[in-house]
Amino acid sequence: MKFTFLLGMVGLLVAGRNHCFAQCRETISPSNHKKVHYHTIQLADKKEYLTLTRTGEERILSYHNEKIGLVYYTQMFIEIRFWAPPGHFSLYAAANDRSNWHPIFVLASPITPKELERMKSATKIEILLPEDKKVFNLDAPKNALLNKAIACMY
């Protein structure tokens, strides 16, 4: 009986861990002590993901890539293109400065509610780096995660 109970608890923890990734999360910003709502969407694997973040009325879309080992010396903005059935649109993101404290390559762009609405039916995301082009196809489960993340931004 105890073994069955423990096995059930482990199963709930594993299922909860996978489900938690799709939930809205909150944290307190260390810089301004405001509540931050965020949601993470994996793209290729655990090292490449999008984050939608909301602090008050400010909304930010960020692309994170832990696999890029070099600092990109880029033009001022990098294009992030979203493909959806009604058409495509682009966001222009600035590359964040990398340091020893934050060794992840991050692109960040402010995003409006109108752009969030257009993202809801996205089927493909392209990130146009200076010497590379990342293409991520969004299947139905990833699009559902994207829509949950968009719901967290309101």
N, C-alpha and C. Protein backbone atom coordinates (compact mmCIF):
# COMPACT_ATOMS: atom_id res chain seq x y z
N MET A 1 0.82 -1.20 0.00
CA MET A 1 0.00 0.00 0.00
C MET A 1 0.86 1.26 0.00
N LYS A 2 1.92 1.26 0.85
CA LYS A 2 2.80 2.43 0.90
C LYS A 2 3.52 2.61 -0.42
N PHE A 3 3.94 1.49 -1.04
CA PHE A 3 4.64 1.57 -2.33
C PHE A 3 3.73 2.17 -3.39
N THR A 4 2.47 1.76 -3.42
CA THR A 4 1.51 2.30 -4.38
C THR A 4 1.31 3.79 -4.15
N PHE A 5 1.20 4.20 -2.89
CA PHE A 5 1.04 5.61 -2.57
C PHE A 5 2.24 6.42 -3.04
N LEU A 6 3.45 5.91 -2.74
CA LEU A 6 4.67 6.61 -3.17
C LEU A 6 4.77 6.68 -4.69
N LEU A 7 4.43 5.58 -5.36
CA LEU A 7 4.46 5.58 -6.83
C LEU A 7 3.47 6.60 -7.39
N GLY A 8 2.29 6.69 -6.77
CA GLY A 8 1.30 7.67 -7.20
C GLY A 8 1.78 9.10 -6.99
N MET A 9 2.44 9.35 -5.85
CA MET A 9 2.96 10.69 -5.56
C MET A 9 4.05 11.07 -6.56
N VAL A 10 4.94 10.12 -6.88
CA VAL A 10 6.00 10.39 -7.86
C VAL A 10 5.37 10.70 -9.22
N GLY A 11 4.35 9.95 -9.59
CA GLY A 11 3.65 10.20 -10.85
C GLY A 11 3.02 11.59 -10.88
N LEU A 12 2.41 12.01 -9.77
CA LEU A 12 1.82 13.35 -9.71
C LEU A 12 2.89 14.42 -9.80
N LEU A 13 4.02 14.20 -9.15
CA LEU A 13 5.10 15.19 -9.22
C LEU A 13 5.64 15.32 -10.64
N VAL A 14 5.83 14.19 -11.32
CA VAL A 14 6.33 14.24 -12.70
C VAL A 14 5.30 14.90 -13.60
N ALA A 15 4.04 14.54 -13.47
CA ALA A 15 3.00 15.16 -14.29
C ALA A 15 2.88 16.64 -13.96
N GLY A 16 2.97 16.99 -12.69
CA GLY A 16 2.89 18.40 -12.29
C GLY A 16 4.04 19.20 -12.83
N ARG A 17 5.22 18.60 -12.89
CA ARG A 17 6.38 19.31 -13.41
C ARG A 17 6.18 19.63 -14.89
N ASN A 18 5.65 18.68 -15.65
CA ASN A 18 5.40 18.93 -17.07
C ASN A 18 4.27 19.93 -17.26
N HIS A 19 3.27 19.88 -16.42
CA HIS A 19 2.14 20.79 -16.55
C HIS A 19 2.51 22.20 -16.10
N CYS A 20 3.40 22.30 -15.13
CA CYS A 20 3.80 23.62 -14.61
C CYS A 20 4.43 24.48 -15.69
N PHE A 21 5.06 23.85 -16.65
CA PHE A 21 5.73 24.61 -17.70
C PHE A 21 4.72 25.42 -18.49
N ALA A 22 3.45 24.97 -18.51
CA ALA A 22 2.43 25.65 -19.30
C ALA A 22 1.66 26.68 -18.48
N GLN A 23 1.94 26.82 -17.20
CA GLN A 23 1.19 27.74 -16.35
C GLN A 23 1.83 29.12 -16.34
N CYS A 24 1.02 30.13 -16.05
CA CYS A 24 1.56 31.48 -15.85
C CYS A 24 2.37 31.46 -14.56
N ARG A 25 3.47 32.10 -14.59
CA ARG A 25 4.29 32.16 -13.40
C ARG A 25 4.45 33.61 -12.98
N GLU A 26 4.75 33.81 -11.71
CA GLU A 26 4.97 35.14 -11.18
C GLU A 26 6.26 35.16 -10.39
N THR A 27 6.91 36.28 -10.41
CA THR A 27 8.09 36.51 -9.60
C THR A 27 8.13 37.99 -9.27
N ILE A 28 9.01 38.37 -8.40
CA ILE A 28 9.20 39.77 -8.06
C ILE A 28 10.52 40.22 -8.69
N SER A 29 10.47 41.32 -9.43
CA SER A 29 11.66 41.84 -10.07
C SER A 29 12.65 42.35 -9.01
N PRO A 30 13.91 41.91 -9.08
CA PRO A 30 14.89 42.39 -8.11
C PRO A 30 15.26 43.86 -8.32
N SER A 31 15.04 44.39 -9.52
CA SER A 31 15.44 45.77 -9.80
C SER A 31 14.40 46.80 -9.34
N ASN A 32 13.11 46.51 -9.59
CA ASN A 32 12.10 47.51 -9.23
C ASN A 32 11.05 46.98 -8.25
N HIS A 33 11.20 45.73 -7.81
CA HIS A 33 10.33 45.10 -6.81
C HIS A 33 8.86 45.05 -7.24
N LYS A 34 8.61 45.00 -8.55
CA LYS A 34 7.25 44.86 -9.07
C LYS A 34 6.99 43.39 -9.40
N LYS A 35 5.72 43.03 -9.43
CA LYS A 35 5.33 41.67 -9.78
C LYS A 35 5.49 41.48 -11.29
N VAL A 36 6.14 40.39 -11.68
CA VAL A 36 6.39 40.08 -13.08
C VAL A 36 5.66 38.77 -13.41
N HIS A 37 4.83 38.79 -14.44
CA HIS A 37 4.16 37.58 -14.93
C HIS A 37 4.95 37.12 -16.16
N TYR A 38 5.23 35.84 -16.24
CA TYR A 38 5.99 35.35 -17.38
C TYR A 38 5.56 33.95 -17.75
N HIS A 39 5.88 33.57 -18.95
CA HIS A 39 5.56 32.25 -19.48
C HIS A 39 6.66 31.85 -20.45
N THR A 40 7.08 30.61 -20.39
CA THR A 40 8.16 30.11 -21.22
C THR A 40 7.64 29.07 -22.20
N ILE A 41 8.09 29.15 -23.46
CA ILE A 41 7.71 28.20 -24.50
C ILE A 41 8.97 27.63 -25.11
N GLN A 42 9.16 26.32 -24.97
CA GLN A 42 10.32 25.68 -25.57
C GLN A 42 10.16 25.65 -27.08
N LEU A 43 11.26 25.92 -27.78
CA LEU A 43 11.22 25.88 -29.24
C LEU A 43 11.82 24.58 -29.75
N ALA A 44 13.14 24.43 -29.66
CA ALA A 44 13.79 23.22 -30.18
C ALA A 44 14.06 22.24 -29.04
N ASP A 45 14.64 22.70 -27.98
CA ASP A 45 14.92 21.88 -26.82
C ASP A 45 14.97 22.80 -25.61
N LYS A 46 15.46 22.30 -24.48
CA LYS A 46 15.46 23.12 -23.27
C LYS A 46 16.41 24.29 -23.34
N LYS A 47 17.29 24.33 -24.34
CA LYS A 47 18.27 25.40 -24.43
C LYS A 47 17.84 26.52 -25.38
N GLU A 48 16.71 26.36 -26.05
CA GLU A 48 16.18 27.40 -26.94
C GLU A 48 14.70 27.59 -26.63
N TYR A 49 14.35 28.81 -26.21
CA TYR A 49 12.97 29.04 -25.81
C TYR A 49 12.61 30.51 -25.92
N LEU A 50 11.30 30.74 -25.98
CA LEU A 50 10.73 32.09 -25.96
C LEU A 50 10.19 32.35 -24.57
N THR A 51 10.23 33.59 -24.15
CA THR A 51 9.61 33.99 -22.89
C THR A 51 8.77 35.23 -23.17
N LEU A 52 7.52 35.18 -22.74
CA LEU A 52 6.64 36.35 -22.76
C LEU A 52 6.58 36.85 -21.32
N THR A 53 6.84 38.14 -21.13
CA THR A 53 6.91 38.73 -19.80
C THR A 53 6.02 39.97 -19.74
N ARG A 54 5.31 40.12 -18.63
CA ARG A 54 4.47 41.31 -18.43
C ARG A 54 4.74 41.89 -17.05
N THR A 55 5.06 43.16 -17.04
CA THR A 55 5.18 43.92 -15.79
C THR A 55 4.29 45.15 -15.95
N GLY A 56 3.18 45.15 -15.25
CA GLY A 56 2.21 46.24 -15.43
C GLY A 56 1.68 46.21 -16.85
N GLU A 57 1.82 47.32 -17.57
CA GLU A 57 1.37 47.41 -18.96
C GLU A 57 2.47 47.05 -19.95
N GLU A 58 3.68 46.88 -19.49
CA GLU A 58 4.81 46.56 -20.38
C GLU A 58 4.85 45.06 -20.67
N ARG A 59 4.93 44.72 -21.96
CA ARG A 59 5.02 43.33 -22.40
C ARG A 59 6.28 43.18 -23.24
N ILE A 60 7.01 42.09 -22.96
CA ILE A 60 8.27 41.84 -23.67
C ILE A 60 8.29 40.40 -24.16
N LEU A 61 8.72 40.23 -25.41
CA LEU A 61 8.98 38.91 -25.97
C LEU A 61 10.50 38.74 -25.99
N SER A 62 10.99 37.62 -25.47
CA SER A 62 12.43 37.35 -25.46
C SER A 62 12.71 35.99 -26.08
N TYR A 63 13.76 35.92 -26.86
CA TYR A 63 14.27 34.66 -27.41
C TYR A 63 15.56 34.36 -26.67
N HIS A 64 15.65 33.17 -26.09
CA HIS A 64 16.83 32.76 -25.33
C HIS A 64 17.48 31.57 -26.04
N ASN A 65 18.80 31.63 -26.15
CA ASN A 65 19.55 30.52 -26.75
C ASN A 65 20.80 30.29 -25.92
N GLU A 66 20.82 29.17 -25.20
CA GLU A 66 21.95 28.83 -24.35
C GLU A 66 23.06 28.14 -25.14
N LYS A 67 22.79 27.78 -26.41
CA LYS A 67 23.77 27.05 -27.21
C LYS A 67 24.75 27.97 -27.95
N ILE A 68 24.38 29.22 -28.14
CA ILE A 68 25.25 30.15 -28.87
C ILE A 68 26.41 30.51 -27.95
N GLY A 69 27.61 30.12 -28.35
CA GLY A 69 28.78 30.34 -27.52
C GLY A 69 29.50 31.64 -27.80
N LEU A 70 29.20 32.26 -28.92
CA LEU A 70 29.89 33.50 -29.29
C LEU A 70 28.99 34.69 -29.05
N VAL A 71 29.60 35.79 -28.78
CA VAL A 71 28.83 37.03 -28.67
C VAL A 71 28.61 37.54 -30.08
N TYR A 72 27.37 37.77 -30.43
CA TYR A 72 27.06 38.30 -31.76
C TYR A 72 27.27 39.80 -31.74
N TYR A 73 28.11 40.27 -32.62
CA TYR A 73 28.24 41.71 -32.83
C TYR A 73 27.32 42.01 -34.00
N THR A 74 26.15 42.47 -33.69
CA THR A 74 25.10 42.58 -34.69
C THR A 74 24.81 44.02 -35.01
N GLN A 75 24.03 44.17 -36.09
CA GLN A 75 23.47 45.47 -36.36
C GLN A 75 22.55 45.81 -35.20
N MET A 76 21.97 46.96 -35.23
CA MET A 76 21.21 47.42 -34.08
C MET A 76 20.06 46.49 -33.73
N PHE A 77 19.34 45.96 -34.71
CA PHE A 77 18.19 45.10 -34.43
C PHE A 77 18.27 43.81 -35.24
N ILE A 78 17.69 42.75 -34.67
CA ILE A 78 17.58 41.46 -35.33
C ILE A 78 16.09 41.20 -35.53
N GLU A 79 15.73 40.64 -36.68
CA GLU A 79 14.33 40.42 -36.99
C GLU A 79 13.85 39.06 -36.46
N ILE A 80 12.68 39.09 -35.82
CA ILE A 80 11.98 37.87 -35.43
C ILE A 80 10.67 37.89 -36.21
N ARG A 81 10.51 36.93 -37.11
CA ARG A 81 9.36 36.91 -38.02
C ARG A 81 8.38 35.82 -37.60
N PHE A 82 7.11 36.17 -37.51
CA PHE A 82 6.04 35.24 -37.17
C PHE A 82 5.19 34.99 -38.41
N TRP A 83 4.98 33.73 -38.73
CA TRP A 83 4.14 33.35 -39.87
C TRP A 83 2.82 32.84 -39.33
N ALA A 84 1.72 33.38 -39.85
CA ALA A 84 0.38 32.98 -39.45
C ALA A 84 -0.49 32.95 -40.71
N PRO A 85 -1.62 32.23 -40.69
CA PRO A 85 -2.48 32.16 -41.87
C PRO A 85 -2.88 33.52 -42.46
N PRO A 86 -3.20 34.55 -41.65
CA PRO A 86 -3.55 35.83 -42.27
C PRO A 86 -2.36 36.54 -42.91
N GLY A 87 -1.14 36.13 -42.60
CA GLY A 87 0.06 36.78 -43.13
C GLY A 87 1.15 36.77 -42.08
N HIS A 88 2.27 37.35 -42.41
CA HIS A 88 3.36 37.36 -41.44
C HIS A 88 3.62 38.79 -40.96
N PHE A 89 4.28 38.87 -39.81
CA PHE A 89 4.69 40.16 -39.29
C PHE A 89 6.02 39.97 -38.58
N SER A 90 6.72 41.06 -38.38
CA SER A 90 8.05 41.00 -37.78
C SER A 90 8.13 41.87 -36.54
N LEU A 91 8.93 41.39 -35.61
CA LEU A 91 9.35 42.19 -34.46
C LEU A 91 10.84 42.42 -34.63
N TYR A 92 11.32 43.54 -34.18
CA TYR A 92 12.75 43.81 -34.26
C TYR A 92 13.30 43.85 -32.84
N ALA A 93 14.23 42.95 -32.58
CA ALA A 93 14.73 42.77 -31.22
C ALA A 93 16.17 43.22 -31.12
N ALA A 94 16.50 43.76 -29.97
CA ALA A 94 17.89 44.15 -29.69
C ALA A 94 18.56 43.02 -28.93
N ALA A 95 19.81 42.75 -29.26
CA ALA A 95 20.57 41.73 -28.55
C ALA A 95 21.02 42.29 -27.22
N ASN A 96 20.71 41.57 -26.15
CA ASN A 96 21.13 42.01 -24.82
C ASN A 96 22.62 41.77 -24.65
N ASP A 97 23.25 42.59 -23.86
CA ASP A 97 24.67 42.45 -23.58
C ASP A 97 24.90 41.19 -22.75
N ARG A 98 25.91 40.42 -23.15
CA ARG A 98 26.23 39.21 -22.40
C ARG A 98 27.37 39.48 -21.45
N SER A 99 27.34 38.82 -20.33
CA SER A 99 28.42 38.97 -19.36
C SER A 99 28.65 37.62 -18.70
N ASN A 100 29.60 37.57 -17.81
CA ASN A 100 29.86 36.33 -17.08
C ASN A 100 28.69 35.95 -16.18
N TRP A 101 27.90 36.93 -15.78
CA TRP A 101 26.78 36.64 -14.90
C TRP A 101 25.57 36.12 -15.67
N HIS A 102 25.46 36.44 -16.92
CA HIS A 102 24.31 36.01 -17.73
C HIS A 102 24.82 35.51 -19.08
N PRO A 103 25.31 34.28 -19.12
CA PRO A 103 25.96 33.79 -20.34
C PRO A 103 25.00 33.30 -21.43
N ILE A 104 23.74 33.67 -21.38
CA ILE A 104 22.76 33.23 -22.37
C ILE A 104 22.55 34.33 -23.40
N PHE A 105 22.50 33.95 -24.67
CA PHE A 105 22.20 34.90 -25.74
C PHE A 105 20.71 35.20 -25.69
N VAL A 106 20.35 36.47 -25.55
CA VAL A 106 18.95 36.86 -25.41
C VAL A 106 18.64 37.99 -26.38
N LEU A 107 17.53 37.83 -27.10
CA LEU A 107 16.97 38.91 -27.91
C LEU A 107 15.67 39.34 -27.23
N ALA A 108 15.46 40.63 -27.08
CA ALA A 108 14.26 41.11 -26.40
C ALA A 108 13.60 42.20 -27.24
N SER A 109 12.27 42.17 -27.26
CA SER A 109 11.51 43.15 -28.01
C SER A 109 10.22 43.46 -27.27
N PRO A 110 9.85 44.74 -27.18
CA PRO A 110 8.53 45.04 -26.63
C PRO A 110 7.46 44.55 -27.60
N ILE A 111 6.31 44.19 -27.06
CA ILE A 111 5.24 43.66 -27.90
C ILE A 111 3.92 44.29 -27.47
N THR A 112 3.10 44.61 -28.46
CA THR A 112 1.82 45.27 -28.19
C THR A 112 0.70 44.23 -28.14
N PRO A 113 -0.45 44.59 -27.55
CA PRO A 113 -1.59 43.67 -27.56
C PRO A 113 -2.02 43.28 -28.98
N LYS A 114 -1.92 44.19 -29.92
CA LYS A 114 -2.28 43.88 -31.32
C LYS A 114 -1.35 42.81 -31.88
N GLU A 115 -0.06 42.89 -31.59
CA GLU A 115 0.89 41.88 -32.06
C GLU A 115 0.65 40.54 -31.36
N LEU A 116 0.27 40.58 -30.09
CA LEU A 116 -0.06 39.35 -29.38
C LEU A 116 -1.24 38.65 -30.04
N GLU A 117 -2.25 39.42 -30.45
CA GLU A 117 -3.41 38.84 -31.13
C GLU A 117 -2.99 38.18 -32.44
N ARG A 118 -2.09 38.82 -33.17
CA ARG A 118 -1.64 38.27 -34.45
C ARG A 118 -0.80 37.01 -34.26
N MET A 119 -0.16 36.88 -33.09
CA MET A 119 0.68 35.71 -32.80
C MET A 119 -0.14 34.47 -32.51
N LYS A 120 -1.41 34.61 -32.15
CA LYS A 120 -2.22 33.48 -31.69
C LYS A 120 -2.28 32.33 -32.69
N SER A 121 -2.28 32.62 -33.96
CA SER A 121 -2.39 31.55 -34.96
C SER A 121 -1.06 31.28 -35.66
N ALA A 122 0.04 31.62 -35.01
CA ALA A 122 1.36 31.44 -35.64
C ALA A 122 1.65 29.97 -35.93
N THR A 123 2.22 29.74 -37.10
CA THR A 123 2.60 28.38 -37.49
C THR A 123 4.11 28.22 -37.59
N LYS A 124 4.82 29.34 -37.70
CA LYS A 124 6.27 29.29 -37.85
C LYS A 124 6.88 30.57 -37.29
N ILE A 125 8.05 30.41 -36.67
CA ILE A 125 8.82 31.56 -36.17
C ILE A 125 10.21 31.48 -36.78
N GLU A 126 10.66 32.59 -37.36
CA GLU A 126 12.02 32.67 -37.91
C GLU A 126 12.78 33.74 -37.14
N ILE A 127 14.01 33.41 -36.78
CA ILE A 127 14.90 34.37 -36.13
C ILE A 127 16.07 34.57 -37.07
N LEU A 128 16.20 35.79 -37.59
CA LEU A 128 17.20 36.09 -38.61
C LEU A 128 18.43 36.71 -37.96
N LEU A 129 19.37 35.85 -37.58
CA LEU A 129 20.64 36.30 -37.00
C LEU A 129 21.57 36.73 -38.13
N PRO A 130 22.65 37.44 -37.83
CA PRO A 130 23.53 37.94 -38.90
C PRO A 130 24.08 36.85 -39.82
N GLU A 131 24.46 35.71 -39.25
CA GLU A 131 25.05 34.66 -40.08
C GLU A 131 24.29 33.35 -39.98
N ASP A 132 23.06 33.41 -39.50
CA ASP A 132 22.29 32.19 -39.30
C ASP A 132 20.80 32.55 -39.38
N LYS A 133 20.01 31.55 -39.68
CA LYS A 133 18.56 31.72 -39.71
C LYS A 133 17.97 30.55 -38.96
N LYS A 134 17.29 30.83 -37.87
CA LYS A 134 16.64 29.80 -37.05
C LYS A 134 15.17 29.74 -37.45
N VAL A 135 14.68 28.54 -37.77
CA VAL A 135 13.29 28.36 -38.14
C VAL A 135 12.67 27.35 -37.19
N PHE A 136 11.56 27.73 -36.58
CA PHE A 136 10.85 26.87 -35.65
C PHE A 136 9.42 26.73 -36.13
N ASN A 137 9.01 25.50 -36.45
CA ASN A 137 7.63 25.24 -36.84
C ASN A 137 6.82 24.97 -35.58
N LEU A 138 5.66 25.59 -35.49
CA LEU A 138 4.80 25.43 -34.32
C LEU A 138 3.68 24.45 -34.65
N ASP A 139 3.77 23.26 -34.08
CA ASP A 139 2.70 22.29 -34.25
C ASP A 139 1.56 22.64 -33.28
N ALA A 140 0.52 21.85 -33.26
CA ALA A 140 -0.66 22.16 -32.43
C ALA A 140 -0.33 22.26 -30.94
N PRO A 141 0.47 21.34 -30.35
CA PRO A 141 0.77 21.49 -28.91
C PRO A 141 1.59 22.76 -28.60
N LYS A 142 2.55 23.10 -29.44
CA LYS A 142 3.34 24.31 -29.20
C LYS A 142 2.49 25.56 -29.41
N ASN A 143 1.57 25.51 -30.37
CA ASN A 143 0.68 26.65 -30.58
C ASN A 143 -0.25 26.82 -29.38
N ALA A 144 -0.68 25.70 -28.79
CA ALA A 144 -1.51 25.78 -27.58
C ALA A 144 -0.74 26.42 -26.43
N LEU A 145 0.55 26.06 -26.29
CA LEU A 145 1.39 26.69 -25.26
C LEU A 145 1.55 28.18 -25.53
N LEU A 146 1.73 28.53 -26.79
CA LEU A 146 1.85 29.94 -27.16
C LEU A 146 0.59 30.70 -26.79
N ASN A 147 -0.57 30.11 -27.06
CA ASN A 147 -1.83 30.77 -26.73
C ASN A 147 -2.04 30.91 -25.22
N LYS A 148 -1.57 29.93 -24.44
CA LYS A 148 -1.64 30.05 -22.98
C LYS A 148 -0.73 31.18 -22.51
N ALA A 149 0.43 31.30 -23.13
CA ALA A 149 1.37 32.37 -22.77
C ALA A 149 0.76 33.73 -23.12
N ILE A 150 0.12 33.81 -24.26
CA ILE A 150 -0.51 35.07 -24.68
C ILE A 150 -1.63 35.44 -23.70
N ALA A 151 -2.38 34.45 -23.24
CA ALA A 151 -3.45 34.69 -22.25
C ALA A 151 -2.88 35.27 -20.95
N CYS A 152 -1.66 34.91 -20.61
CA CYS A 152 -1.02 35.43 -19.38
C CYS A 152 -0.64 36.90 -19.53
N MET A 153 -0.62 37.41 -20.73
CA MET A 153 -0.15 38.78 -20.96
C MET A 153 -1.26 39.81 -20.81
N TYR A 154 -2.48 39.39 -20.52
CA TYR A 154 -3.60 40.32 -20.36
C TYR A 154 -3.97 40.50 -18.92
